[in-house]
Amino acid sequence: MNPTPALDATRRVKDFADQVKRLGDADVRTCYQCKKCSAGCPVAFAMDYMPHQVIRMVQMGYRDQAVRCSTIWVCASCETCTTRCPNEVDIARVMDVLRQMALEEQVPEAEREIHVFHNEFLRSIRSHGRVFELGLIGLFKLRTGRFFDDILMGWKMFRKGKLSLLPHRVRDRDRIGKIFDRAKKGAL
């Protein structure tokens, strides 16, 4: 005999919340929707769903909606939401877990440019030991095709000495590479 659809849905809800807890050590089931996370979020204006709504999606088992929303990519991981949560739900970590799930499942990014910027930022740090701003922006522009969006601001920054033509390297860059290697292996 097949289980009823209601039992099946209950199992899906529990499985998704359990998976998020296992991957991120954040129990969304303790959230009672006080909305303090959303009220304090500095980038809420740019989100399609507020942080408390994403948490509710996880609580309700709406996996597809949670991993496809823009909010998980727009989240700045500033942890304001986590700090404000009266039940100590690590909301910023939940957003990280959902981003990771989206990447593993090869869900097209709702905010592709944020993902491109993130990848170029990390590549710059791995390569130089710190961010090389001009190289970062150049590769970002190349990958997104947005060549002239803010060229005047870039020129002003360059004229004021805020952008260097050559990267500054840190000593012992090999240690930075080892950190990236350990992170890739999940050893951090």
N, C-alpha and C. Protein backbone atom coordinates (compact mmCIF):
# COMPACT_ATOMS: atom_id res chain seq x y z
N MET A 1 0.85 -1.19 0.00
CA MET A 1 0.00 0.00 0.00
C MET A 1 0.88 1.25 0.00
N ASN A 2 0.55 2.19 -0.87
CA ASN A 2 1.28 3.45 -0.97
C ASN A 2 0.92 4.37 0.19
N PRO A 3 1.92 5.13 0.69
CA PRO A 3 1.58 6.12 1.73
C PRO A 3 0.71 7.21 1.14
N THR A 4 -0.06 7.85 1.96
CA THR A 4 -0.93 8.92 1.49
C THR A 4 -0.08 10.11 1.07
N PRO A 5 -0.60 10.95 0.18
CA PRO A 5 0.15 12.14 -0.24
C PRO A 5 0.53 13.04 0.94
N ALA A 6 -0.33 13.12 1.95
CA ALA A 6 -0.04 13.97 3.11
C ALA A 6 1.19 13.45 3.86
N LEU A 7 1.29 12.15 4.03
CA LEU A 7 2.46 11.58 4.71
C LEU A 7 3.72 11.78 3.88
N ASP A 8 3.57 11.65 2.57
CA ASP A 8 4.70 11.87 1.67
C ASP A 8 5.20 13.31 1.77
N ALA A 9 4.28 14.27 1.79
CA ALA A 9 4.64 15.68 1.89
C ALA A 9 5.31 15.97 3.23
N THR A 10 4.80 15.38 4.30
CA THR A 10 5.39 15.57 5.63
C THR A 10 6.82 15.05 5.65
N ARG A 11 7.05 13.92 5.02
CA ARG A 11 8.39 13.34 4.97
C ARG A 11 9.34 14.25 4.19
N ARG A 12 8.87 14.82 3.05
CA ARG A 12 9.69 15.73 2.26
C ARG A 12 10.09 16.96 3.06
N VAL A 13 9.13 17.51 3.80
CA VAL A 13 9.39 18.69 4.62
C VAL A 13 10.47 18.37 5.65
N LYS A 14 10.29 17.27 6.35
CA LYS A 14 11.25 16.88 7.39
C LYS A 14 12.61 16.59 6.78
N ASP A 15 12.64 15.91 5.64
CA ASP A 15 13.91 15.57 4.99
C ASP A 15 14.69 16.82 4.59
N PHE A 16 14.02 17.83 4.03
CA PHE A 16 14.69 19.05 3.60
C PHE A 16 15.25 19.81 4.80
N ALA A 17 14.43 19.99 5.83
CA ALA A 17 14.89 20.68 7.05
C ALA A 17 16.05 19.92 7.69
N ASP A 18 15.98 18.58 7.71
CA ASP A 18 17.07 17.76 8.26
C ASP A 18 18.35 17.93 7.45
N GLN A 19 18.20 17.96 6.12
CA GLN A 19 19.37 18.11 5.26
C GLN A 19 20.05 19.47 5.48
N VAL A 20 19.26 20.52 5.59
CA VAL A 20 19.82 21.86 5.85
C VAL A 20 20.52 21.86 7.21
N LYS A 21 19.91 21.23 8.21
CA LYS A 21 20.53 21.18 9.53
C LYS A 21 21.84 20.39 9.48
N ARG A 22 21.84 19.27 8.79
CA ARG A 22 23.04 18.44 8.70
C ARG A 22 24.17 19.17 7.97
N LEU A 23 23.84 19.84 6.89
CA LEU A 23 24.87 20.53 6.11
C LEU A 23 25.36 21.82 6.75
N GLY A 24 24.48 22.50 7.48
CA GLY A 24 24.85 23.81 8.00
C GLY A 24 24.78 23.96 9.49
N ASP A 25 24.38 22.90 10.17
CA ASP A 25 24.26 22.96 11.63
C ASP A 25 23.37 24.12 12.05
N ALA A 26 22.28 24.31 11.31
CA ALA A 26 21.31 25.37 11.61
C ALA A 26 19.91 24.76 11.60
N ASP A 27 19.25 24.77 12.74
CA ASP A 27 17.93 24.16 12.85
C ASP A 27 16.85 25.20 12.59
N VAL A 28 16.29 25.17 11.39
CA VAL A 28 15.27 26.15 11.01
C VAL A 28 13.94 25.89 11.71
N ARG A 29 13.78 24.70 12.28
CA ARG A 29 12.51 24.37 12.93
C ARG A 29 12.26 25.20 14.18
N THR A 30 13.29 25.82 14.73
CA THR A 30 13.09 26.64 15.93
C THR A 30 12.63 28.06 15.60
N CYS A 31 12.62 28.42 14.32
CA CYS A 31 12.17 29.75 13.90
C CYS A 31 10.65 29.85 14.05
N TYR A 32 10.20 30.90 14.71
CA TYR A 32 8.76 31.11 14.85
C TYR A 32 8.28 32.35 14.11
N GLN A 33 9.07 32.78 13.12
CA GLN A 33 8.68 33.83 12.20
C GLN A 33 8.42 35.18 12.87
N CYS A 34 9.34 35.61 13.73
CA CYS A 34 9.22 36.93 14.37
C CYS A 34 9.60 38.05 13.40
N LYS A 35 10.33 37.72 12.35
CA LYS A 35 10.72 38.62 11.26
C LYS A 35 11.82 39.62 11.64
N LYS A 36 12.49 39.41 12.76
CA LYS A 36 13.59 40.30 13.13
C LYS A 36 14.73 40.21 12.13
N CYS A 37 14.92 39.03 11.55
CA CYS A 37 15.98 38.86 10.55
C CYS A 37 15.73 39.76 9.35
N SER A 38 14.51 39.78 8.88
CA SER A 38 14.17 40.57 7.71
C SER A 38 14.19 42.07 8.02
N ALA A 39 13.75 42.42 9.21
CA ALA A 39 13.71 43.83 9.60
C ALA A 39 15.10 44.43 9.68
N GLY A 40 16.11 43.63 10.02
CA GLY A 40 17.45 44.15 10.16
C GLY A 40 18.35 43.95 8.97
N CYS A 41 17.88 43.25 7.95
CA CYS A 41 18.73 42.92 6.81
C CYS A 41 19.06 44.17 5.98
N PRO A 42 20.36 44.47 5.81
CA PRO A 42 20.74 45.68 5.06
C PRO A 42 20.54 45.55 3.55
N VAL A 43 20.34 44.34 3.03
CA VAL A 43 20.13 44.18 1.58
C VAL A 43 18.73 43.65 1.25
N ALA A 44 17.82 43.73 2.21
CA ALA A 44 16.46 43.23 2.00
C ALA A 44 15.78 43.92 0.82
N PHE A 45 16.12 45.18 0.56
CA PHE A 45 15.50 45.92 -0.54
C PHE A 45 15.76 45.26 -1.89
N ALA A 46 16.81 44.46 -2.01
CA ALA A 46 17.18 43.84 -3.28
C ALA A 46 16.74 42.38 -3.39
N MET A 47 16.08 41.88 -2.38
CA MET A 47 15.71 40.45 -2.34
C MET A 47 14.32 40.21 -2.90
N ASP A 48 14.15 39.03 -3.50
CA ASP A 48 12.81 38.67 -3.96
C ASP A 48 11.97 38.08 -2.82
N TYR A 49 12.62 37.44 -1.86
CA TYR A 49 11.96 36.95 -0.65
C TYR A 49 12.77 37.44 0.54
N MET A 50 12.10 37.81 1.60
CA MET A 50 12.78 38.23 2.81
C MET A 50 13.42 37.01 3.49
N PRO A 51 14.44 37.22 4.31
CA PRO A 51 15.09 36.09 4.97
C PRO A 51 14.12 35.18 5.74
N HIS A 52 13.16 35.76 6.45
CA HIS A 52 12.22 34.91 7.19
C HIS A 52 11.38 34.05 6.24
N GLN A 53 11.12 34.55 5.03
CA GLN A 53 10.35 33.78 4.06
C GLN A 53 11.17 32.60 3.53
N VAL A 54 12.46 32.80 3.34
CA VAL A 54 13.33 31.70 2.89
C VAL A 54 13.38 30.63 3.97
N ILE A 55 13.49 31.05 5.23
CA ILE A 55 13.49 30.09 6.33
C ILE A 55 12.17 29.31 6.34
N ARG A 56 11.08 30.00 6.09
CA ARG A 56 9.77 29.32 6.04
C ARG A 56 9.71 28.32 4.88
N MET A 57 10.32 28.67 3.74
CA MET A 57 10.37 27.73 2.61
C MET A 57 11.05 26.43 3.03
N VAL A 58 12.15 26.57 3.77
CA VAL A 58 12.87 25.38 4.23
C VAL A 58 12.00 24.62 5.22
N GLN A 59 11.35 25.33 6.13
CA GLN A 59 10.48 24.68 7.10
C GLN A 59 9.35 23.91 6.42
N MET A 60 8.84 24.44 5.33
CA MET A 60 7.71 23.84 4.62
C MET A 60 8.14 22.84 3.55
N GLY A 61 9.44 22.71 3.33
CA GLY A 61 9.92 21.73 2.35
C GLY A 61 9.88 22.21 0.91
N TYR A 62 9.82 23.51 0.69
CA TYR A 62 9.79 24.06 -0.67
C TYR A 62 11.21 24.18 -1.21
N ARG A 63 11.82 23.06 -1.44
CA ARG A 63 13.22 22.99 -1.85
C ARG A 63 13.49 23.75 -3.14
N ASP A 64 12.71 23.47 -4.19
CA ASP A 64 12.94 24.12 -5.48
C ASP A 64 12.87 25.63 -5.38
N GLN A 65 11.87 26.12 -4.68
CA GLN A 65 11.70 27.57 -4.55
C GLN A 65 12.87 28.16 -3.76
N ALA A 66 13.32 27.47 -2.72
CA ALA A 66 14.41 27.98 -1.88
C ALA A 66 15.73 28.05 -2.63
N VAL A 67 16.05 27.03 -3.42
CA VAL A 67 17.36 27.04 -4.11
C VAL A 67 17.33 27.85 -5.40
N ARG A 68 16.17 28.28 -5.85
CA ARG A 68 16.06 29.06 -7.08
C ARG A 68 15.85 30.56 -6.84
N CYS A 69 15.65 30.96 -5.59
CA CYS A 69 15.34 32.38 -5.34
C CYS A 69 16.58 33.25 -5.41
N SER A 70 16.39 34.51 -5.68
CA SER A 70 17.49 35.48 -5.74
C SER A 70 18.08 35.77 -4.37
N THR A 71 17.27 35.66 -3.35
CA THR A 71 17.70 36.03 -2.00
C THR A 71 18.97 35.33 -1.57
N ILE A 72 19.11 34.04 -1.89
CA ILE A 72 20.30 33.32 -1.42
C ILE A 72 21.56 33.85 -2.07
N TRP A 73 21.44 34.47 -3.25
CA TRP A 73 22.60 35.04 -3.93
C TRP A 73 22.83 36.49 -3.53
N VAL A 74 21.77 37.20 -3.21
CA VAL A 74 21.88 38.61 -2.83
C VAL A 74 22.40 38.75 -1.39
N CYS A 75 22.13 37.76 -0.55
CA CYS A 75 22.55 37.79 0.85
C CYS A 75 24.04 38.11 0.95
N ALA A 76 24.38 39.11 1.76
CA ALA A 76 25.77 39.54 1.91
C ALA A 76 26.52 38.75 2.98
N SER A 77 25.84 37.82 3.64
CA SER A 77 26.43 37.01 4.72
C SER A 77 27.01 37.88 5.82
N CYS A 78 26.37 38.99 6.10
CA CYS A 78 26.85 39.92 7.13
C CYS A 78 26.51 39.44 8.54
N GLU A 79 25.59 38.50 8.62
CA GLU A 79 25.16 37.85 9.86
C GLU A 79 24.32 38.75 10.77
N THR A 80 23.81 39.84 10.24
CA THR A 80 22.90 40.68 11.02
C THR A 80 21.67 39.87 11.41
N CYS A 81 21.15 39.09 10.48
CA CYS A 81 19.97 38.27 10.73
C CYS A 81 20.24 37.25 11.84
N THR A 82 21.38 36.63 11.77
CA THR A 82 21.75 35.62 12.76
C THR A 82 21.87 36.25 14.14
N THR A 83 22.46 37.42 14.20
CA THR A 83 22.65 38.13 15.47
C THR A 83 21.31 38.53 16.08
N ARG A 84 20.36 38.91 15.24
CA ARG A 84 19.07 39.38 15.73
C ARG A 84 18.11 38.26 16.11
N CYS A 85 18.38 37.03 15.68
CA CYS A 85 17.44 35.92 15.88
C CYS A 85 17.34 35.54 17.36
N PRO A 86 16.15 35.62 17.94
CA PRO A 86 15.99 35.27 19.35
C PRO A 86 16.18 33.77 19.63
N ASN A 87 16.06 32.95 18.61
CA ASN A 87 16.23 31.50 18.78
C ASN A 87 17.57 31.01 18.25
N GLU A 88 18.43 31.95 17.92
CA GLU A 88 19.79 31.65 17.48
C GLU A 88 19.86 30.74 16.25
N VAL A 89 18.90 30.94 15.32
CA VAL A 89 18.96 30.25 14.04
C VAL A 89 20.04 30.94 13.22
N ASP A 90 20.99 30.19 12.73
CA ASP A 90 22.08 30.77 11.93
C ASP A 90 21.58 30.94 10.49
N ILE A 91 20.85 32.02 10.28
CA ILE A 91 20.19 32.27 9.01
C ILE A 91 21.21 32.48 7.89
N ALA A 92 22.29 33.18 8.19
CA ALA A 92 23.34 33.39 7.18
C ALA A 92 23.91 32.05 6.74
N ARG A 93 24.06 31.13 7.66
CA ARG A 93 24.57 29.79 7.31
C ARG A 93 23.55 29.03 6.46
N VAL A 94 22.27 29.19 6.74
CA VAL A 94 21.23 28.56 5.93
C VAL A 94 21.33 29.06 4.48
N MET A 95 21.55 30.37 4.31
CA MET A 95 21.70 30.93 2.97
C MET A 95 22.91 30.31 2.27
N ASP A 96 24.02 30.12 3.01
CA ASP A 96 25.21 29.47 2.45
C ASP A 96 24.89 28.05 2.00
N VAL A 97 24.17 27.32 2.84
CA VAL A 97 23.81 25.93 2.53
C VAL A 97 22.94 25.89 1.28
N LEU A 98 21.98 26.78 1.18
CA LEU A 98 21.09 26.81 0.01
C LEU A 98 21.86 27.15 -1.26
N ARG A 99 22.82 28.09 -1.16
CA ARG A 99 23.67 28.40 -2.32
C ARG A 99 24.46 27.17 -2.74
N GLN A 100 25.02 26.48 -1.75
CA GLN A 100 25.80 25.28 -2.05
C GLN A 100 24.93 24.21 -2.72
N MET A 101 23.73 24.03 -2.21
CA MET A 101 22.80 23.07 -2.82
C MET A 101 22.50 23.45 -4.26
N ALA A 102 22.26 24.74 -4.49
CA ALA A 102 21.96 25.22 -5.84
C ALA A 102 23.13 24.94 -6.78
N LEU A 103 24.34 25.18 -6.31
CA LEU A 103 25.53 24.92 -7.13
C LEU A 103 25.69 23.43 -7.42
N GLU A 104 25.53 22.60 -6.39
CA GLU A 104 25.68 21.15 -6.57
C GLU A 104 24.63 20.58 -7.51
N GLU A 105 23.42 21.13 -7.43
CA GLU A 105 22.34 20.65 -8.29
C GLU A 105 22.34 21.35 -9.65
N GLN A 106 23.30 22.24 -9.86
CA GLN A 106 23.45 22.99 -11.10
C GLN A 106 22.19 23.77 -11.47
N VAL A 107 21.59 24.35 -10.44
CA VAL A 107 20.43 25.22 -10.64
C VAL A 107 20.96 26.53 -11.21
N PRO A 108 20.40 27.01 -12.31
CA PRO A 108 20.87 28.30 -12.84
C PRO A 108 20.73 29.39 -11.79
N GLU A 109 21.80 30.17 -11.60
CA GLU A 109 21.79 31.21 -10.59
C GLU A 109 20.74 32.26 -10.92
N ALA A 110 19.97 32.62 -9.92
CA ALA A 110 18.98 33.67 -10.12
C ALA A 110 19.67 35.01 -10.30
N GLU A 111 20.85 35.13 -9.73
CA GLU A 111 21.65 36.36 -9.83
C GLU A 111 23.03 35.96 -10.35
N ARG A 112 23.14 35.69 -11.63
CA ARG A 112 24.37 35.18 -12.22
C ARG A 112 25.57 36.09 -11.97
N GLU A 113 25.36 37.39 -12.06
CA GLU A 113 26.48 38.33 -11.92
C GLU A 113 27.10 38.27 -10.52
N ILE A 114 26.29 38.02 -9.51
CA ILE A 114 26.83 37.89 -8.15
C ILE A 114 27.74 36.68 -8.07
N HIS A 115 27.32 35.60 -8.66
CA HIS A 115 28.13 34.38 -8.67
C HIS A 115 29.43 34.59 -9.45
N VAL A 116 29.37 35.26 -10.57
CA VAL A 116 30.57 35.57 -11.36
C VAL A 116 31.52 36.43 -10.53
N PHE A 117 30.99 37.47 -9.89
CA PHE A 117 31.83 38.34 -9.06
C PHE A 117 32.49 37.55 -7.93
N HIS A 118 31.72 36.71 -7.27
CA HIS A 118 32.23 35.89 -6.17
C HIS A 118 33.39 35.01 -6.65
N ASN A 119 33.20 34.35 -7.78
CA ASN A 119 34.26 33.48 -8.31
C ASN A 119 35.51 34.26 -8.68
N GLU A 120 35.35 35.41 -9.30
CA GLU A 120 36.52 36.23 -9.67
C GLU A 120 37.21 36.80 -8.44
N PHE A 121 36.45 37.15 -7.43
CA PHE A 121 37.01 37.65 -6.18
C PHE A 121 37.91 36.58 -5.55
N LEU A 122 37.39 35.36 -5.44
CA LEU A 122 38.17 34.27 -4.86
C LEU A 122 39.39 33.93 -5.71
N ARG A 123 39.22 33.97 -7.03
CA ARG A 123 40.35 33.69 -7.93
C ARG A 123 41.46 34.73 -7.72
N SER A 124 41.07 35.98 -7.54
CA SER A 124 42.05 37.04 -7.32
C SER A 124 42.81 36.82 -6.01
N ILE A 125 42.11 36.44 -4.97
CA ILE A 125 42.76 36.19 -3.68
C ILE A 125 43.70 34.99 -3.78
N ARG A 126 43.24 33.94 -4.41
CA ARG A 126 44.08 32.75 -4.55
C ARG A 126 45.34 33.06 -5.35
N SER A 127 45.20 33.85 -6.37
CA SER A 127 46.33 34.16 -7.25
C SER A 127 47.32 35.14 -6.64
N HIS A 128 46.82 36.18 -5.96
CA HIS A 128 47.67 37.26 -5.49
C HIS A 128 47.82 37.33 -3.97
N GLY A 129 47.01 36.58 -3.26
CA GLY A 129 47.05 36.65 -1.80
C GLY A 129 46.15 37.73 -1.24
N ARG A 130 45.67 38.57 -2.09
CA ARG A 130 44.71 39.63 -1.74
C ARG A 130 43.99 40.03 -3.02
N VAL A 131 43.00 40.88 -2.91
CA VAL A 131 42.23 41.27 -4.09
C VAL A 131 43.02 42.27 -4.94
N PHE A 132 43.10 41.98 -6.22
CA PHE A 132 43.64 42.91 -7.21
C PHE A 132 42.43 43.51 -7.90
N GLU A 133 42.05 44.71 -7.46
CA GLU A 133 40.78 45.31 -7.85
C GLU A 133 40.63 45.48 -9.36
N LEU A 134 41.65 46.00 -10.01
CA LEU A 134 41.54 46.24 -11.45
C LEU A 134 41.37 44.93 -12.22
N GLY A 135 42.12 43.93 -11.82
CA GLY A 135 41.99 42.62 -12.46
C GLY A 135 40.64 42.00 -12.19
N LEU A 136 40.16 42.13 -10.96
CA LEU A 136 38.85 41.60 -10.58
C LEU A 136 37.75 42.23 -11.44
N ILE A 137 37.76 43.55 -11.51
CA ILE A 137 36.72 44.24 -12.28
C ILE A 137 36.86 43.93 -13.77
N GLY A 138 38.10 43.87 -14.26
CA GLY A 138 38.31 43.55 -15.68
C GLY A 138 37.74 42.19 -16.05
N LEU A 139 38.03 41.17 -15.23
CA LEU A 139 37.51 39.82 -15.52
C LEU A 139 36.00 39.76 -15.33
N PHE A 140 35.49 40.47 -14.33
CA PHE A 140 34.05 40.53 -14.13
C PHE A 140 33.36 41.12 -15.35
N LYS A 141 33.90 42.24 -15.85
CA LYS A 141 33.32 42.89 -17.04
C LYS A 141 33.38 41.97 -18.25
N LEU A 142 34.50 41.28 -18.39
CA LEU A 142 34.68 40.36 -19.52
C LEU A 142 33.66 39.23 -19.47
N ARG A 143 33.44 38.67 -18.29
CA ARG A 143 32.54 37.52 -18.14
C ARG A 143 31.06 37.89 -18.20
N THR A 144 30.73 39.14 -17.85
CA THR A 144 29.33 39.54 -17.85
C THR A 144 28.94 40.36 -19.08
N GLY A 145 29.93 40.88 -19.79
CA GLY A 145 29.64 41.69 -20.97
C GLY A 145 29.19 43.10 -20.64
N ARG A 146 29.34 43.50 -19.38
CA ARG A 146 28.93 44.86 -18.96
C ARG A 146 30.15 45.77 -18.95
N PHE A 147 30.68 46.05 -20.12
CA PHE A 147 31.96 46.73 -20.26
C PHE A 147 31.95 48.20 -19.83
N PHE A 148 30.89 48.91 -20.09
CA PHE A 148 30.92 50.36 -19.92
C PHE A 148 29.97 50.89 -18.84
N ASP A 149 29.41 50.02 -18.03
CA ASP A 149 28.42 50.46 -17.03
C ASP A 149 28.93 51.54 -16.10
N ASP A 150 30.13 51.39 -15.61
CA ASP A 150 30.64 52.34 -14.62
C ASP A 150 32.07 52.79 -14.94
N ILE A 151 32.32 52.97 -16.22
CA ILE A 151 33.66 53.31 -16.66
C ILE A 151 34.12 54.68 -16.14
N LEU A 152 33.20 55.62 -16.01
CA LEU A 152 33.58 56.95 -15.50
C LEU A 152 34.03 56.88 -14.04
N MET A 153 33.33 56.08 -13.25
CA MET A 153 33.72 55.93 -11.86
C MET A 153 35.09 55.26 -11.77
N GLY A 154 35.33 54.25 -12.60
CA GLY A 154 36.62 53.57 -12.62
C GLY A 154 37.75 54.52 -12.99
N TRP A 155 37.48 55.38 -13.96
CA TRP A 155 38.51 56.36 -14.38
C TRP A 155 38.82 57.33 -13.24
N LYS A 156 37.78 57.78 -12.53
CA LYS A 156 37.99 58.69 -11.40
C LYS A 156 38.81 58.00 -10.31
N MET A 157 38.50 56.76 -10.03
CA MET A 157 39.24 56.02 -9.00
C MET A 157 40.71 55.83 -9.42
N PHE A 158 40.92 55.56 -10.68
CA PHE A 158 42.28 55.38 -11.18
C PHE A 158 43.07 56.68 -11.06
N ARG A 159 42.45 57.79 -11.47
CA ARG A 159 43.12 59.09 -11.39
C ARG A 159 43.49 59.48 -9.96
N LYS A 160 42.69 59.05 -8.99
CA LYS A 160 42.95 59.36 -7.59
C LYS A 160 43.87 58.34 -6.92
N GLY A 161 44.36 57.39 -7.70
CA GLY A 161 45.28 56.41 -7.15
C GLY A 161 44.63 55.28 -6.37
N LYS A 162 43.35 55.09 -6.56
CA LYS A 162 42.62 54.06 -5.84
C LYS A 162 42.69 52.70 -6.53
N LEU A 163 43.08 52.69 -7.80
CA LEU A 163 43.23 51.44 -8.55
C LEU A 163 44.66 51.35 -9.05
N SER A 164 45.28 50.24 -8.76
CA SER A 164 46.66 50.02 -9.19
C SER A 164 46.67 49.21 -10.49
N LEU A 165 47.61 49.54 -11.38
CA LEU A 165 47.72 48.78 -12.63
C LEU A 165 48.28 47.37 -12.40
N LEU A 166 49.09 47.23 -11.38
CA LEU A 166 49.71 45.93 -11.08
C LEU A 166 49.24 45.43 -9.73
N PRO A 167 49.12 44.12 -9.59
CA PRO A 167 48.67 43.58 -8.30
C PRO A 167 49.75 43.68 -7.23
N HIS A 168 49.33 43.88 -6.01
CA HIS A 168 50.23 43.81 -4.87
C HIS A 168 50.14 42.38 -4.35
N ARG A 169 51.26 41.77 -4.15
CA ARG A 169 51.26 40.38 -3.67
C ARG A 169 51.65 40.34 -2.20
N VAL A 170 51.11 39.39 -1.51
CA VAL A 170 51.46 39.21 -0.11
C VAL A 170 52.58 38.18 -0.01
N ARG A 171 53.30 38.25 1.10
CA ARG A 171 54.33 37.24 1.34
C ARG A 171 53.65 35.91 1.63
N ASP A 172 54.33 34.85 1.32
CA ASP A 172 53.88 33.50 1.64
C ASP A 172 52.52 33.17 1.03
N ARG A 173 52.39 33.48 -0.26
CA ARG A 173 51.15 33.19 -0.98
C ARG A 173 50.81 31.71 -0.99
N ASP A 174 51.82 30.87 -0.83
CA ASP A 174 51.58 29.43 -0.82
C ASP A 174 50.62 29.03 0.31
N ARG A 175 50.70 29.74 1.42
CA ARG A 175 49.81 29.42 2.55
C ARG A 175 48.36 29.70 2.18
N ILE A 176 48.14 30.74 1.39
CA ILE A 176 46.78 31.06 0.94
C ILE A 176 46.27 29.93 0.05
N GLY A 177 47.12 29.46 -0.86
CA GLY A 177 46.74 28.34 -1.72
C GLY A 177 46.39 27.10 -0.92
N LYS A 178 47.11 26.86 0.16
CA LYS A 178 46.82 25.70 1.02
C LYS A 178 45.47 25.84 1.70
N ILE A 179 45.12 27.06 2.08
CA ILE A 179 43.80 27.30 2.68
C ILE A 179 42.71 26.95 1.67
N PHE A 180 42.89 27.39 0.42
CA PHE A 180 41.91 27.07 -0.62
C PHE A 180 41.83 25.57 -0.85
N ASP A 181 42.96 24.90 -0.86
CA ASP A 181 42.99 23.45 -1.06
C ASP A 181 42.25 22.72 0.07
N ARG A 182 42.51 23.15 1.30
CA ARG A 182 41.83 22.53 2.45
C ARG A 182 40.33 22.78 2.40
N ALA A 183 39.94 23.99 1.99
CA ALA A 183 38.51 24.31 1.89
C ALA A 183 37.84 23.45 0.83
N LYS A 184 38.54 23.23 -0.28
CA LYS A 184 37.99 22.40 -1.36
C LYS A 184 37.76 20.97 -0.89
N LYS A 185 38.67 20.49 -0.03
CA LYS A 185 38.55 19.13 0.49
C LYS A 185 37.57 19.05 1.65
N GLY A 186 37.09 20.20 2.12
CA GLY A 186 36.14 20.21 3.23
C GLY A 186 36.82 20.05 4.57
N ALA A 187 38.10 20.36 4.66
CA ALA A 187 38.87 20.15 5.89
C ALA A 187 38.86 21.36 6.80
N LEU A 188 38.17 22.43 6.45
CA LEU A 188 38.17 23.62 7.31
C LEU A 188 37.05 23.55 8.32
